[in-house]
């Protein structure tokens, strides 16, 4: 019971955090998060640790996200955009 409640609350929180992102990217991130929530918890913890050290959230994300690029690519499977290479843009969006 609490698993579904936690999943619902997490989804609503993510929707609020991603509101300015294009809908297709929002759904892609939500799908990845549902596939491996522990990975995203670990990423969030590391970003939080970096911001606690004084980095802003963007700088912290840019430092942490490359460590997890292979896991994120595996979650995306064939949905990973291939134009212009793979990975993340400086603003945190998925490179297309």
N, C-alpha and C. Protein backbone atom coordinates (compact mmCIF):
# COMPACT_ATOMS: atom_id res chain seq x y z
N UNK A 1 0.82 -1.20 0.00
CA UNK A 1 0.00 0.00 0.00
C UNK A 1 0.86 1.26 0.00
N UNK A 2 1.86 1.29 0.90
CA UNK A 2 2.67 2.49 0.98
C UNK A 2 3.57 2.66 -0.24
N UNK A 3 3.89 1.56 -0.91
CA UNK A 3 4.69 1.64 -2.13
C UNK A 3 3.98 2.44 -3.19
N UNK A 4 2.68 2.20 -3.35
CA UNK A 4 1.90 2.95 -4.35
C UNK A 4 1.77 4.41 -3.95
N UNK A 5 1.58 4.66 -2.66
CA UNK A 5 1.46 6.03 -2.17
C UNK A 5 2.76 6.79 -2.37
N UNK A 6 3.88 6.13 -2.05
CA UNK A 6 5.18 6.76 -2.24
C UNK A 6 5.43 7.04 -3.72
N UNK A 7 5.07 6.09 -4.57
CA UNK A 7 5.24 6.25 -6.01
C UNK A 7 4.41 7.43 -6.53
N UNK A 8 3.17 7.52 -6.06
CA UNK A 8 2.29 8.62 -6.48
C UNK A 8 2.86 9.96 -6.02
N UNK A 9 3.28 10.04 -4.76
CA UNK A 9 3.82 11.29 -4.23
C UNK A 9 5.09 11.69 -4.97
N UNK A 10 5.94 10.72 -5.25
CA UNK A 10 7.17 11.00 -5.98
C UNK A 10 6.87 11.50 -7.38
N UNK A 11 5.91 10.88 -8.04
CA UNK A 11 5.53 11.29 -9.40
C UNK A 11 5.02 12.74 -9.40
N UNK A 12 4.17 13.07 -8.43
CA UNK A 12 3.64 14.44 -8.36
C UNK A 12 4.76 15.45 -8.09
N UNK A 13 5.68 15.09 -7.22
CA UNK A 13 6.81 15.98 -6.92
C UNK A 13 7.66 16.18 -8.17
N UNK A 14 7.94 15.10 -8.89
CA UNK A 14 8.73 15.21 -10.11
C UNK A 14 8.02 16.04 -11.17
N UNK A 15 6.72 15.85 -11.31
CA UNK A 15 5.96 16.65 -12.28
C UNK A 15 6.10 18.13 -11.98
N UNK A 16 6.06 18.47 -10.70
CA UNK A 16 6.20 19.87 -10.30
C UNK A 16 7.61 20.38 -10.60
N UNK A 17 8.63 19.54 -10.35
CA UNK A 17 10.02 19.95 -10.58
C UNK A 17 10.34 20.09 -12.07
N UNK A 18 9.67 19.28 -12.90
CA UNK A 18 9.96 19.26 -14.33
C UNK A 18 8.99 20.07 -15.17
N UNK A 19 8.19 20.90 -14.54
CA UNK A 19 7.09 21.59 -15.24
C UNK A 19 7.55 22.44 -16.42
N UNK A 20 8.76 22.96 -16.39
CA UNK A 20 9.25 23.82 -17.47
C UNK A 20 9.91 23.04 -18.61
N UNK A 21 10.03 21.74 -18.43
CA UNK A 21 10.68 20.88 -19.42
C UNK A 21 9.64 20.43 -20.45
N UNK A 22 10.04 20.21 -21.70
CA UNK A 22 9.09 19.70 -22.70
C UNK A 22 8.46 18.37 -22.24
N UNK A 23 7.20 18.18 -22.61
CA UNK A 23 6.43 17.00 -22.16
C UNK A 23 7.12 15.69 -22.51
N UNK A 24 7.70 15.58 -23.70
CA UNK A 24 8.33 14.31 -24.08
C UNK A 24 9.52 13.99 -23.17
N UNK A 25 10.30 15.02 -22.80
CA UNK A 25 11.42 14.80 -21.88
C UNK A 25 10.92 14.49 -20.47
N UNK A 26 9.82 15.14 -20.06
CA UNK A 26 9.24 14.83 -18.74
C UNK A 26 8.89 13.36 -18.66
N UNK A 27 8.18 12.86 -19.67
CA UNK A 27 7.76 11.46 -19.66
C UNK A 27 8.95 10.51 -19.70
N UNK A 28 9.97 10.87 -20.45
CA UNK A 28 11.17 10.05 -20.53
C UNK A 28 11.83 9.93 -19.15
N UNK A 29 11.97 11.03 -18.46
CA UNK A 29 12.59 11.02 -17.13
C UNK A 29 11.71 10.27 -16.14
N UNK A 30 10.41 10.48 -16.21
CA UNK A 30 9.49 9.78 -15.29
C UNK A 30 9.57 8.27 -15.51
N UNK A 31 9.63 7.85 -16.75
CA UNK A 31 9.73 6.42 -17.06
C UNK A 31 11.03 5.84 -16.53
N UNK A 32 12.13 6.56 -16.72
CA UNK A 32 13.42 6.09 -16.21
C UNK A 32 13.38 5.98 -14.69
N UNK A 33 12.78 6.97 -14.05
CA UNK A 33 12.73 6.97 -12.60
C UNK A 33 11.90 5.81 -12.07
N UNK A 34 10.82 5.47 -12.77
CA UNK A 34 9.99 4.35 -12.34
C UNK A 34 10.71 3.03 -12.53
N UNK A 35 11.59 2.94 -13.53
CA UNK A 35 12.34 1.70 -13.77
C UNK A 35 13.39 1.45 -12.69
N UNK A 36 14.06 2.51 -12.23
CA UNK A 36 15.15 2.34 -11.25
C UNK A 36 15.16 3.50 -10.26
N UNK A 37 14.20 3.50 -9.32
CA UNK A 37 14.14 4.62 -8.37
C UNK A 37 15.36 4.73 -7.47
N UNK A 38 16.01 3.61 -7.17
CA UNK A 38 17.19 3.65 -6.30
C UNK A 38 18.34 4.41 -6.96
N UNK A 39 18.48 4.29 -8.26
CA UNK A 39 19.51 5.04 -8.97
C UNK A 39 19.27 6.53 -8.82
N UNK A 40 18.03 6.95 -8.97
CA UNK A 40 17.72 8.37 -8.87
C UNK A 40 17.84 8.88 -7.43
N UNK A 41 17.57 8.02 -6.46
CA UNK A 41 17.79 8.39 -5.06
C UNK A 41 19.27 8.63 -4.81
N UNK A 42 20.12 7.75 -5.35
CA UNK A 42 21.58 7.91 -5.19
C UNK A 42 22.07 9.18 -5.86
N UNK A 43 21.58 9.45 -7.06
CA UNK A 43 21.96 10.67 -7.77
C UNK A 43 21.54 11.90 -6.95
N UNK A 44 20.32 11.88 -6.43
CA UNK A 44 19.83 13.01 -5.63
C UNK A 44 20.67 13.22 -4.38
N UNK A 45 21.06 12.13 -3.73
CA UNK A 45 21.90 12.24 -2.53
C UNK A 45 23.25 12.87 -2.85
N UNK A 46 23.84 12.45 -3.97
CA UNK A 46 25.14 13.00 -4.34
C UNK A 46 25.03 14.47 -4.72
N UNK A 47 23.98 14.83 -5.43
CA UNK A 47 23.78 16.24 -5.79
C UNK A 47 23.57 17.06 -4.52
N UNK A 48 22.79 16.55 -3.58
CA UNK A 48 22.57 17.23 -2.30
C UNK A 48 23.88 17.42 -1.55
N UNK A 49 24.72 16.39 -1.55
CA UNK A 49 26.02 16.50 -0.87
C UNK A 49 26.88 17.59 -1.50
N UNK A 50 26.84 17.69 -2.81
CA UNK A 50 27.61 18.74 -3.50
C UNK A 50 27.05 20.13 -3.20
N UNK A 51 25.72 20.26 -3.16
CA UNK A 51 25.15 21.58 -2.85
C UNK A 51 25.43 21.96 -1.40
N UNK A 52 25.50 20.97 -0.53
CA UNK A 52 25.84 21.25 0.88
C UNK A 52 27.28 21.75 1.00
N UNK A 53 28.13 21.38 0.05
CA UNK A 53 29.52 21.84 0.05
C UNK A 53 29.65 23.26 -0.51
N UNK A 54 28.55 23.79 -1.06
CA UNK A 54 28.58 25.16 -1.56
C UNK A 54 28.35 25.31 -3.04
N UNK A 55 28.27 24.22 -3.77
CA UNK A 55 28.00 24.31 -5.21
C UNK A 55 26.54 24.66 -5.44
N UNK A 56 26.27 25.36 -6.56
CA UNK A 56 24.86 25.56 -6.90
C UNK A 56 24.34 24.26 -7.51
N UNK A 57 23.04 24.15 -7.65
CA UNK A 57 22.45 22.89 -8.08
C UNK A 57 22.90 22.50 -9.49
N UNK A 58 23.04 23.46 -10.38
CA UNK A 58 23.46 23.16 -11.75
C UNK A 58 24.88 22.61 -11.75
N UNK A 59 25.78 23.26 -11.03
CA UNK A 59 27.17 22.80 -10.98
C UNK A 59 27.26 21.41 -10.35
N UNK A 60 26.48 21.20 -9.30
CA UNK A 60 26.46 19.90 -8.63
C UNK A 60 25.95 18.82 -9.59
N UNK A 61 24.89 19.13 -10.32
CA UNK A 61 24.33 18.17 -11.28
C UNK A 61 25.34 17.84 -12.37
N UNK A 62 26.03 18.85 -12.86
CA UNK A 62 27.00 18.64 -13.93
C UNK A 62 28.18 17.80 -13.44
N UNK A 63 28.48 17.88 -12.17
CA UNK A 63 29.56 17.08 -11.60
C UNK A 63 29.13 15.63 -11.39
N UNK A 64 27.90 15.42 -10.92
CA UNK A 64 27.42 14.09 -10.55
C UNK A 64 26.89 13.29 -11.74
N UNK A 65 26.14 13.91 -12.62
CA UNK A 65 25.45 13.18 -13.69
C UNK A 65 26.37 12.37 -14.62
N UNK A 66 27.53 12.88 -14.98
CA UNK A 66 28.39 12.06 -15.86
C UNK A 66 28.77 10.70 -15.26
N UNK A 67 28.84 10.61 -13.93
CA UNK A 67 29.15 9.34 -13.28
C UNK A 67 28.11 8.27 -13.60
N UNK A 68 26.88 8.70 -13.83
CA UNK A 68 25.76 7.78 -14.01
C UNK A 68 25.28 7.71 -15.46
N UNK A 69 26.04 8.27 -16.38
CA UNK A 69 25.60 8.33 -17.76
C UNK A 69 25.34 6.93 -18.34
N UNK A 70 26.20 5.97 -18.07
CA UNK A 70 26.02 4.63 -18.62
C UNK A 70 24.75 3.96 -18.07
N UNK A 71 24.47 4.12 -16.77
CA UNK A 71 23.26 3.54 -16.20
C UNK A 71 22.01 4.20 -16.79
N UNK A 72 22.07 5.51 -16.97
CA UNK A 72 20.93 6.23 -17.53
C UNK A 72 20.71 5.82 -18.99
N UNK A 73 21.80 5.65 -19.73
CA UNK A 73 21.67 5.21 -21.11
C UNK A 73 21.06 3.81 -21.17
N UNK A 74 21.45 2.94 -20.23
CA UNK A 74 20.90 1.59 -20.19
C UNK A 74 19.39 1.63 -19.91
N UNK A 75 18.96 2.54 -19.03
CA UNK A 75 17.53 2.68 -18.75
C UNK A 75 16.76 3.16 -19.96
N UNK A 76 17.39 4.03 -20.73
CA UNK A 76 16.72 4.58 -21.91
C UNK A 76 16.64 3.58 -23.05
N UNK A 77 17.58 2.67 -23.11
CA UNK A 77 17.59 1.70 -24.20
C UNK A 77 17.71 2.41 -25.53
N UNK A 78 16.82 2.11 -26.46
CA UNK A 78 16.89 2.72 -27.79
C UNK A 78 16.22 4.09 -27.84
N UNK A 79 15.76 4.61 -26.70
CA UNK A 79 15.12 5.92 -26.69
C UNK A 79 16.12 7.05 -26.53
N UNK A 80 17.39 6.71 -26.32
CA UNK A 80 18.41 7.73 -26.13
C UNK A 80 18.59 8.50 -27.43
N UNK A 81 18.41 9.82 -27.39
CA UNK A 81 18.62 10.63 -28.60
C UNK A 81 20.04 10.48 -29.11
N UNK A 82 20.21 10.34 -30.40
CA UNK A 82 21.52 10.11 -30.97
C UNK A 82 22.10 11.33 -31.70
N UNK A 83 21.28 12.27 -32.10
CA UNK A 83 21.80 13.44 -32.80
C UNK A 83 22.74 14.22 -31.91
N UNK A 84 23.89 14.60 -32.42
CA UNK A 84 24.81 15.44 -31.66
C UNK A 84 25.48 14.71 -30.52
N UNK A 85 25.47 13.42 -30.52
CA UNK A 85 26.10 12.67 -29.44
C UNK A 85 25.10 12.33 -28.36
N UNK A 86 25.57 11.67 -27.36
CA UNK A 86 24.70 11.27 -26.27
C UNK A 86 25.12 11.98 -25.00
N UNK A 87 24.23 12.03 -24.05
CA UNK A 87 24.56 12.64 -22.77
C UNK A 87 23.61 13.76 -22.42
N UNK A 88 24.13 14.69 -21.64
CA UNK A 88 23.30 15.76 -21.11
C UNK A 88 23.83 17.11 -21.53
N UNK A 89 22.92 18.05 -21.74
CA UNK A 89 23.27 19.43 -22.02
C UNK A 89 23.66 20.10 -20.71
N UNK A 90 24.34 21.24 -20.77
CA UNK A 90 24.72 21.95 -19.54
C UNK A 90 23.53 22.32 -18.64
N UNK A 91 22.33 22.47 -19.23
CA UNK A 91 21.17 22.81 -18.41
C UNK A 91 20.51 21.58 -17.82
N UNK A 92 21.10 20.38 -18.03
CA UNK A 92 20.57 19.16 -17.44
C UNK A 92 19.60 18.41 -18.33
N UNK A 93 19.18 19.01 -19.46
CA UNK A 93 18.26 18.31 -20.35
C UNK A 93 19.04 17.26 -21.15
N UNK A 94 18.32 16.32 -21.72
CA UNK A 94 18.95 15.27 -22.48
C UNK A 94 19.36 15.80 -23.84
N UNK A 95 20.63 15.57 -24.19
CA UNK A 95 21.16 16.05 -25.47
C UNK A 95 20.45 15.35 -26.62
N UNK A 96 20.03 16.10 -27.60
CA UNK A 96 19.35 15.55 -28.79
C UNK A 96 20.22 15.73 -30.00
